[in-house]
Amino acid sequence: SGQFIMCTVFGAGEFAVSLPPSPENDRFHITVRKVGKVTNALHDLKAGDKVGVRGPFGNGFPFEEIQGKNVVYVAGGIGLIPLRSSIMHVMQNKEKFGRILLFLGARTPQELMYQYNLNEWKTTPGFETNITIDNPVPGWDGQTGFVHTMIKKSNVPVKDTVAFVCGPPVMFNAVIKELTEIGIGEESIISTLERHMKCGIGKCQHCSIGRTLVCTDGPVYTYRQIKTLGENI
């Protein structure tokens, strides 16, 4: 969880994708958005067509280190994809953690991912879900506004708390500001960096940021580490 795999569409190319939750019945699922040549080619495949998979690569989320702590997830849009496997792991081991909270934001209700998981999480004892969309729309009776605005309203625990954050840069920076202002330390904020990875094994250095290679040193970093990379993430 937190690692990634490389997926090959034969004749089109290869791309990195977040490692899915633990496989069930010898199968696993990946979530891929159509954004370019290779991912479009993947979406054009039919059931039974073959793809290549290698990995997993990179480091993972530090589950053993955070046992006994409160866990806060903050995701914006497709930022839920890399955090979902972590959420599912923590949910399956709830007795090992303190409070578990999710703050999820999307532009519209249609862009809220994994509706079947969200419906389940909303009714799961011990899991506090806070879901918002950017602006009011007909038929939506939930919260509205940007996801970072919910943090101070929700009595987020500060002591013995670790926060996982993933989303677009503007959202990421706003969330970091809120979390640090309420007292959560930079070393207790964890994110996974999305950087265009080519080889997955540190040879091509296409994913380098400062002195780090995201594919081998990451993709999971604390915010304190991210601050030292010397680039605007």
C-alpha atoms as a PDB file:
ATOM      1  CA  SER A   1       0.000   0.000   0.000  1.00  0.00           C
ATOM      2  CA  GLY A   2       1.509   3.267  -1.171  1.00  0.00           C
ATOM      3  CA  GLN A   3       3.666   1.517  -3.743  1.00  0.00           C
ATOM      4  CA  PHE A   4       3.031   1.479  -7.492  1.00  0.00           C
ATOM      5  CA  ILE A   5       3.163  -0.925 -10.414  1.00  0.00           C
ATOM      6  CA  MET A   6       4.107  -0.399 -14.054  1.00  0.00           C
ATOM      7  CA  CYS A   7       1.408  -1.399 -16.529  1.00  0.00           C
ATOM      8  CA  THR A   8       2.266  -2.084 -20.184  1.00  0.00           C
ATOM      9  CA  VAL A   9      -0.196  -1.801 -23.044  1.00  0.00           C
ATOM     10  CA  PHE A  10       1.559  -3.717 -25.789  1.00  0.00           C
ATOM     11  CA  GLY A  11       2.209  -1.578 -28.839  1.00  0.00           C
ATOM     12  CA  ALA A  12       1.373   1.639 -26.987  1.00  0.00           C
ATOM     13  CA  GLY A  13       3.696   1.994 -23.994  1.00  0.00           C
ATOM     14  CA  GLU A  14       3.890   1.778 -20.222  1.00  0.00           C
ATOM     15  CA  PHE A  15       2.652   3.874 -17.293  1.00  0.00           C
ATOM     16  CA  ALA A  16       2.798   3.894 -13.514  1.00  0.00           C
ATOM     17  CA  VAL A  17      -0.334   3.313 -11.453  1.00  0.00           C
ATOM     18  CA  SER A  18      -0.988   3.133  -7.719  1.00  0.00           C
ATOM     19  CA  LEU A  19      -0.857  -0.339  -6.251  1.00  0.00           C
ATOM     20  CA  PRO A  20      -4.408  -1.532  -5.602  1.00  0.00           C
ATOM     21  CA  PRO A  21      -5.641  -2.973  -2.296  1.00  0.00           C
ATOM     22  CA  SER A  22      -4.702  -6.571  -1.534  1.00  0.00           C
ATOM     23  CA  PRO A  23      -5.850  -8.897  -4.314  1.00  0.00           C
ATOM     24  CA  GLU A  24      -8.958 -10.994  -3.808  1.00  0.00           C
ATOM     25  CA  ASN A  25      -9.520 -14.325  -5.551  1.00  0.00           C
ATOM     26  CA  ASP A  26      -6.226 -13.940  -7.467  1.00  0.00           C
ATOM     27  CA  ARG A  27      -7.426 -10.703  -9.052  1.00  0.00           C
ATOM     28  CA  PHE A  28      -6.721  -7.042  -8.470  1.00  0.00           C
ATOM     29  CA  HIS A  29      -8.244  -3.829  -9.760  1.00  0.00           C
ATOM     30  CA  ILE A  30      -6.511  -0.657 -10.908  1.00  0.00           C
ATOM     31  CA  THR A  31      -8.053   2.755 -11.520  1.00  0.00           C
ATOM     32  CA  VAL A  32      -6.838   4.487 -14.684  1.00  0.00           C
ATOM     33  CA  ARG A  33      -7.973   7.814 -16.105  1.00  0.00           C
ATOM     34  CA  LYS A  34      -7.809   8.449 -19.857  1.00  0.00           C
ATOM     35  CA  VAL A  35      -5.193  11.186 -20.168  1.00  0.00           C
ATOM     36  CA  GLY A  36      -2.883  10.197 -23.009  1.00  0.00           C
ATOM     37  CA  LYS A  37      -1.880   7.708 -25.668  1.00  0.00           C
ATOM     38  CA  VAL A  38      -1.179   4.747 -23.401  1.00  0.00           C
ATOM     39  CA  THR A  39      -4.141   5.115 -21.060  1.00  0.00           C
ATOM     40  CA  ASN A  40      -6.466   5.655 -24.020  1.00  0.00           C
ATOM     41  CA  ALA A  41      -5.113   2.442 -25.531  1.00  0.00           C
ATOM     42  CA  LEU A  42      -5.804   0.649 -22.250  1.00  0.00           C
ATOM     43  CA  HIS A  43      -9.412   1.810 -22.266  1.00  0.00           C
ATOM     44  CA  ASP A  44      -9.772   0.486 -25.818  1.00  0.00           C
ATOM     45  CA  LEU A  45      -8.847  -3.062 -24.767  1.00  0.00           C
ATOM     46  CA  LYS A  46     -11.477  -5.758 -24.486  1.00  0.00           C
ATOM     47  CA  ALA A  47     -12.003  -8.417 -21.843  1.00  0.00           C
ATOM     48  CA  GLY A  48      -9.409 -11.134 -22.369  1.00  0.00           C
ATOM     49  CA  ASP A  49      -6.768  -8.872 -23.920  1.00  0.00           C
ATOM     50  CA  LYS A  50      -3.389  -9.095 -22.233  1.00  0.00           C
ATOM     51  CA  VAL A  51      -1.370  -6.363 -20.546  1.00  0.00           C
ATOM     52  CA  GLY A  52       2.017  -6.434 -18.861  1.00  0.00           C
ATOM     53  CA  VAL A  53       2.466  -5.748 -15.155  1.00  0.00           C
ATOM     54  CA  ARG A  54       5.715  -5.410 -13.210  1.00  0.00           C
ATOM     55  CA  GLY A  55       6.433  -4.369  -9.679  1.00  0.00           C
ATOM     56  CA  PRO A  56       5.543  -3.430  -7.026  1.00  0.00           C
ATOM     57  CA  PHE A  57       8.038  -0.582  -6.777  1.00  0.00           C
ATOM     58  CA  GLY A  58       8.807   2.207  -4.322  1.00  0.00           C
ATOM     59  CA  ASN A  59       8.237   2.492  -0.618  1.00  0.00           C
ATOM     60  CA  GLY A  60       4.923   2.097   1.136  1.00  0.00           C
ATOM     61  CA  PHE A  61       2.838   3.725   3.830  1.00  0.00           C
ATOM     62  CA  PRO A  62       4.374   3.315   7.333  1.00  0.00           C
ATOM     63  CA  PHE A  63       1.549   1.324   8.909  1.00  0.00           C
ATOM     64  CA  GLU A  64       3.613  -0.236  11.697  1.00  0.00           C
ATOM     65  CA  GLU A  65       4.983   3.153  12.752  1.00  0.00           C
ATOM     66  CA  ILE A  66       1.537   4.745  13.031  1.00  0.00           C
ATOM     67  CA  GLN A  67      -0.240   2.028  14.994  1.00  0.00           C
ATOM     68  CA  GLY A  68      -2.034   3.463  17.998  1.00  0.00           C
ATOM     69  CA  LYS A  69      -2.391   6.887  16.380  1.00  0.00           C
ATOM     70  CA  ASN A  70      -5.368   8.758  14.990  1.00  0.00           C
ATOM     71  CA  VAL A  71      -5.427   8.663  11.185  1.00  0.00           C
ATOM     72  CA  VAL A  72      -6.733  11.543   9.068  1.00  0.00           C
ATOM     73  CA  TYR A  73      -7.156  11.221   5.295  1.00  0.00           C
ATOM     74  CA  VAL A  74      -7.582  14.301   3.113  1.00  0.00           C
ATOM     75  CA  ALA A  75      -8.131  13.713  -0.607  1.00  0.00           C
ATOM     76  CA  GLY A  76      -9.109  15.917  -3.507  1.00  0.00           C
ATOM     77  CA  GLY A  77     -10.521  14.469  -6.720  1.00  0.00           C
ATOM     78  CA  ILE A  78      -8.437  11.588  -8.037  1.00  0.00           C
ATOM     79  CA  GLY A  79      -6.187  11.964  -4.993  1.00  0.00           C
ATOM     80  CA  LEU A  80      -8.388   9.295  -3.421  1.00  0.00           C
ATOM     81  CA  ILE A  81      -6.868   6.678  -5.761  1.00  0.00           C
ATOM     82  CA  PRO A  82      -3.465   6.307  -4.040  1.00  0.00           C
ATOM     83  CA  LEU A  83      -5.018   6.674  -0.565  1.00  0.00           C
ATOM     84  CA  ARG A  84      -7.763   4.087  -1.015  1.00  0.00           C
ATOM     85  CA  SER A  85      -5.541   1.074  -0.352  1.00  0.00           C
ATOM     86  CA  SER A  86      -4.303   2.714   2.855  1.00  0.00           C
ATOM     87  CA  ILE A  87      -7.860   3.468   3.964  1.00  0.00           C
ATOM     88  CA  MET A  88      -8.914  -0.125   3.370  1.00  0.00           C
ATOM     89  CA  HIS A  89      -5.912  -1.480   5.278  1.00  0.00           C
ATOM     90  CA  VAL A  90      -6.584   0.769   8.270  1.00  0.00           C
ATOM     91  CA  MET A  91     -10.305  -0.053   8.184  1.00  0.00           C
ATOM     92  CA  GLN A  92      -9.530  -3.773   8.248  1.00  0.00           C
ATOM     93  CA  ASN A  93      -7.319  -3.220  11.304  1.00  0.00           C
ATOM     94  CA  LYS A  94      -9.355  -0.567  13.121  1.00  0.00           C
ATOM     95  CA  GLU A  95      -8.521  -1.937  16.546  1.00  0.00           C
ATOM     96  CA  LYS A  96      -4.861  -0.964  16.002  1.00  0.00           C
ATOM     97  CA  PHE A  97      -5.601   2.723  15.423  1.00  0.00           C
ATOM     98  CA  GLY A  98      -7.357   5.615  17.156  1.00  0.00           C
ATOM     99  CA  ARG A  99      -9.903   7.842  15.443  1.00  0.00           C
ATOM    100  CA  ILE A 100     -10.122   7.459  11.669  1.00  0.00           C
ATOM    101  CA  LEU A 101     -11.347  10.429   9.623  1.00  0.00           C
ATOM    102  CA  LEU A 102     -11.770  11.060   5.907  1.00  0.00           C
ATOM    103  CA  PHE A 103     -12.107  14.473   4.280  1.00  0.00           C
ATOM    104  CA  LEU A 104     -12.915  14.129   0.587  1.00  0.00           C
ATOM    105  CA  GLY A 105     -13.543  16.888  -1.912  1.00  0.00           C
ATOM    106  CA  ALA A 106     -14.591  16.892  -5.570  1.00  0.00           C
ATOM    107  CA  ARG A 107     -15.822  19.468  -8.045  1.00  0.00           C
ATOM    108  CA  THR A 108     -19.182  17.742  -8.597  1.00  0.00           C
ATOM    109  CA  PRO A 109     -21.059  14.722  -7.189  1.00  0.00           C
ATOM    110  CA  GLN A 110     -20.332  12.869 -10.439  1.00  0.00           C
ATOM    111  CA  GLU A 111     -16.600  13.212  -9.807  1.00  0.00           C
ATOM    112  CA  LEU A 112     -16.736  11.505  -6.408  1.00  0.00           C
ATOM    113  CA  MET A 113     -14.883   8.252  -6.960  1.00  0.00           C
ATOM    114  CA  TYR A 114     -15.577   4.801  -5.516  1.00  0.00           C
ATOM    115  CA  GLN A 115     -19.200   5.485  -4.633  1.00  0.00           C
ATOM    116  CA  TYR A 116     -19.636   1.910  -3.427  1.00  0.00           C
ATOM    117  CA  ASN A 117     -16.783   2.375  -0.949  1.00  0.00           C
ATOM    118  CA  LEU A 118     -18.070   5.783   0.141  1.00  0.00           C
ATOM    119  CA  ASN A 119     -21.523   4.356   0.858  1.00  0.00           C
ATOM    120  CA  GLU A 120     -19.957   1.590   2.939  1.00  0.00           C
ATOM    121  CA  TRP A 121     -17.591   3.913   4.803  1.00  0.00           C
ATOM    122  CA  LYS A 122     -20.417   6.305   5.710  1.00  0.00           C
ATOM    123  CA  THR A 123     -22.130   3.543   7.675  1.00  0.00           C
ATOM    124  CA  THR A 124     -19.021   1.957   9.206  1.00  0.00           C
ATOM    125  CA  PRO A 125     -18.746   2.515  12.976  1.00  0.00           C
ATOM    126  CA  GLY A 126     -15.518   4.245  13.929  1.00  0.00           C
ATOM    127  CA  PHE A 127     -14.961   5.841  10.524  1.00  0.00           C
ATOM    128  CA  GLU A 128     -15.826   9.536  10.285  1.00  0.00           C
ATOM    129  CA  THR A 129     -16.508  10.647   6.701  1.00  0.00           C
ATOM    130  CA  ASN A 130     -16.710  14.275   5.581  1.00  0.00           C
ATOM    131  CA  ILE A 131     -17.518  14.741   1.894  1.00  0.00           C
ATOM    132  CA  THR A 132     -17.887  18.030   0.061  1.00  0.00           C
ATOM    133  CA  ILE A 133     -18.254  19.371  -3.467  1.00  0.00           C
ATOM    134  CA  ASP A 134     -16.998  22.770  -4.574  1.00  0.00           C
ATOM    135  CA  ASN A 135     -20.345  24.466  -5.259  1.00  0.00           C
ATOM    136  CA  PRO A 136     -24.044  23.718  -4.598  1.00  0.00           C
ATOM    137  CA  VAL A 137     -25.871  21.837  -7.355  1.00  0.00           C
ATOM    138  CA  PRO A 138     -29.470  20.607  -7.615  1.00  0.00           C
ATOM    139  CA  GLY A 139     -29.961  17.267  -5.900  1.00  0.00           C
ATOM    140  CA  TRP A 140     -26.913  17.551  -3.637  1.00  0.00           C
ATOM    141  CA  ASP A 141     -27.770  17.795   0.052  1.00  0.00           C
ATOM    142  CA  GLY A 142     -24.263  17.281   1.398  1.00  0.00           C
ATOM    143  CA  GLN A 143     -21.571  19.775   2.329  1.00  0.00           C
ATOM    144  CA  THR A 144     -20.260  22.357  -0.122  1.00  0.00           C
ATOM    145  CA  GLY A 145     -16.983  24.250  -0.223  1.00  0.00           C
ATOM    146  CA  PHE A 146     -13.348  23.330  -0.627  1.00  0.00           C
ATOM    147  CA  VAL A 147     -12.135  20.314   1.293  1.00  0.00           C
ATOM    148  CA  HIS A 148      -9.585  22.181   3.424  1.00  0.00           C
ATOM    149  CA  THR A 149     -12.326  24.344   4.955  1.00  0.00           C
ATOM    150  CA  MET A 150     -13.820  21.298   6.716  1.00  0.00           C
ATOM    151  CA  ILE A 151     -10.728  20.573   8.780  1.00  0.00           C
ATOM    152  CA  LYS A 152     -11.057  23.295  11.428  1.00  0.00           C
ATOM    153  CA  LYS A 153     -14.824  22.728  11.619  1.00  0.00           C
ATOM    154  CA  SER A 154     -14.469  19.050  12.458  1.00  0.00           C
ATOM    155  CA  ASN A 155     -12.543  18.880  15.739  1.00  0.00           C
ATOM    156  CA  VAL A 156      -9.651  17.004  14.161  1.00  0.00           C
ATOM    157  CA  PRO A 157      -7.460  15.397  16.829  1.00  0.00           C
ATOM    158  CA  VAL A 158      -3.943  16.848  16.970  1.00  0.00           C
ATOM    159  CA  LYS A 159      -2.093  14.755  19.546  1.00  0.00           C
ATOM    160  CA  ASP A 160      -0.875  11.366  18.295  1.00  0.00           C
ATOM    161  CA  THR A 161      -2.268  12.035  14.820  1.00  0.00           C
ATOM    162  CA  VAL A 162      -0.914  11.270  11.364  1.00  0.00           C
ATOM    163  CA  ALA A 163      -2.454  12.782   8.233  1.00  0.00           C
ATOM    164  CA  PHE A 164      -2.377  11.370   4.699  1.00  0.00           C
ATOM    165  CA  VAL A 165      -2.889  14.035   2.027  1.00  0.00           C
ATOM    166  CA  CYS A 166      -3.193  13.659  -1.736  1.00  0.00           C
ATOM    167  CA  GLY A 167      -4.668  15.932  -4.386  1.00  0.00           C
ATOM    168  CA  PRO A 168      -3.867  18.721  -6.849  1.00  0.00           C
ATOM    169  CA  PRO A 169      -1.212  21.286  -5.796  1.00  0.00           C
ATOM    170  CA  VAL A 170      -3.612  24.111  -4.875  1.00  0.00           C
ATOM    171  CA  MET A 171      -5.653  21.803  -2.674  1.00  0.00           C
ATOM    172  CA  PHE A 172      -2.524  20.176  -1.229  1.00  0.00           C
ATOM    173  CA  ASN A 173      -1.026  23.493  -0.163  1.00  0.00           C
ATOM    174  CA  ALA A 174      -4.296  24.705   1.385  1.00  0.00           C
ATOM    175  CA  VAL A 175      -4.674  21.471   3.356  1.00  0.00           C
ATOM    176  CA  ILE A 176      -1.079  21.580   4.588  1.00  0.00           C
ATOM    177  CA  LYS A 177      -1.658  25.124   5.838  1.00  0.00           C
ATOM    178  CA  GLU A 178      -4.765  24.060   7.770  1.00  0.00           C
ATOM    179  CA  LEU A 179      -3.148  20.960   9.276  1.00  0.00           C
ATOM    180  CA  THR A 180      -0.009  22.752  10.427  1.00  0.00           C
ATOM    181  CA  GLU A 181      -2.037  25.642  11.841  1.00  0.00           C
ATOM    182  CA  ILE A 182      -4.008  23.309  14.108  1.00  0.00           C
ATOM    183  CA  GLY A 183      -0.754  21.791  15.327  1.00  0.00           C
ATOM    184  CA  ILE A 184      -0.062  18.638  13.306  1.00  0.00           C
ATOM    185  CA  GLY A 185       3.695  18.392  12.719  1.00  0.00           C
ATOM    186  CA  GLU A 186       5.315  18.316   9.289  1.00  0.00           C
ATOM    187  CA  GLU A 187       6.784  14.875  10.006  1.00  0.00           C
ATOM    188  CA  SER A 188       3.260  13.573  10.740  1.00  0.00           C
ATOM    189  CA  ILE A 189       1.843  14.637   7.362  1.00  0.00           C
ATOM    190  CA  ILE A 190       2.346  12.011   4.667  1.00  0.00           C
ATOM    191  CA  SER A 191       1.749  12.265   0.941  1.00  0.00           C
ATOM    192  CA  THR A 192       2.435  10.290  -2.198  1.00  0.00           C
ATOM    193  CA  LEU A 193       4.020  12.230  -5.041  1.00  0.00           C
ATOM    194  CA  GLU A 194       2.689  11.753  -8.526  1.00  0.00           C
ATOM    195  CA  ARG A 195       5.607  12.172 -10.870  1.00  0.00           C
ATOM    196  CA  HIS A 196       5.920  10.834 -14.418  1.00  0.00           C
ATOM    197  CA  MET A 197       7.862   7.619 -13.916  1.00  0.00           C
ATOM    198  CA  LYS A 198       9.376   5.823 -16.882  1.00  0.00           C
ATOM    199  CA  CYS A 199      11.411   2.875 -15.648  1.00  0.00           C
ATOM    200  CA  GLY A 200      10.316   2.376 -12.043  1.00  0.00           C
ATOM    201  CA  ILE A 201      13.784   1.293 -10.907  1.00  0.00           C
ATOM    202  CA  GLY A 202      15.783   4.528 -10.734  1.00  0.00           C
ATOM    203  CA  LYS A 203      17.777   4.118 -13.953  1.00  0.00           C
ATOM    204  CA  CYS A 204      16.324   6.776 -16.256  1.00  0.00           C
ATOM    205  CA  GLN A 205      16.030   9.474 -13.540  1.00  0.00           C
ATOM    206  CA  HIS A 206      12.978  10.884 -15.314  1.00  0.00           C
ATOM    207  CA  CYS A 207      11.197  11.257 -11.964  1.00  0.00           C
ATOM    208  CA  SER A 208      13.993  13.073 -10.140  1.00  0.00           C
ATOM    209  CA  ILE A 209      13.101  15.938  -7.808  1.00  0.00           C
ATOM    210  CA  GLY A 210      16.150  17.579  -6.306  1.00  0.00           C
ATOM    211  CA  ARG A 211      18.284  14.722  -5.040  1.00  0.00           C
ATOM    212  CA  THR A 212      15.512  12.175  -4.775  1.00  0.00           C
ATOM    213  CA  LEU A 213      14.106   9.693  -7.272  1.00  0.00           C
ATOM    214  CA  VAL A 214      10.387   9.303  -6.708  1.00  0.00           C
ATOM    215  CA  CYS A 215      10.286   5.753  -8.091  1.00  0.00           C
ATOM    216  CA  THR A 216      12.856   4.380  -5.628  1.00  0.00           C
ATOM    217  CA  ASP A 217      13.008   6.821  -2.696  1.00  0.00           C
ATOM    218  CA  GLY A 218       9.257   7.447  -2.809  1.00  0.00           C
ATOM    219  CA  PRO A 219       6.541   7.783  -3.813  1.00  0.00           C
ATOM    220  CA  VAL A 220       5.595   8.158  -0.118  1.00  0.00           C
ATOM    221  CA  TYR A 221       7.171  11.140   1.663  1.00  0.00           C
ATOM    222  CA  THR A 222       6.512  13.152   4.793  1.00  0.00           C
ATOM    223  CA  TYR A 223       5.767  16.829   4.275  1.00  0.00           C
ATOM    224  CA  ARG A 224       9.034  17.647   6.053  1.00  0.00           C
ATOM    225  CA  GLN A 225      10.883  15.642   3.381  1.00  0.00           C
ATOM    226  CA  ILE A 226       8.892  17.286   0.589  1.00  0.00           C
ATOM    227  CA  LYS A 227       9.857  20.733   1.863  1.00  0.00           C
ATOM    228  CA  THR A 228      13.554  19.882   1.541  1.00  0.00           C
ATOM    229  CA  LEU A 229      13.314  18.743  -2.098  1.00  0.00           C
ATOM    230  CA  GLY A 230      13.825  22.271  -3.356  1.00  0.00           C
ATOM    231  CA  GLU A 231      11.038  22.300  -5.944  1.00  0.00           C
ATOM    232  CA  ASN A 232       7.450  23.426  -6.004  1.00  0.00           C
ATOM    233  CA  ILE A 233       5.540  20.153  -5.895  1.00  0.00           C
END
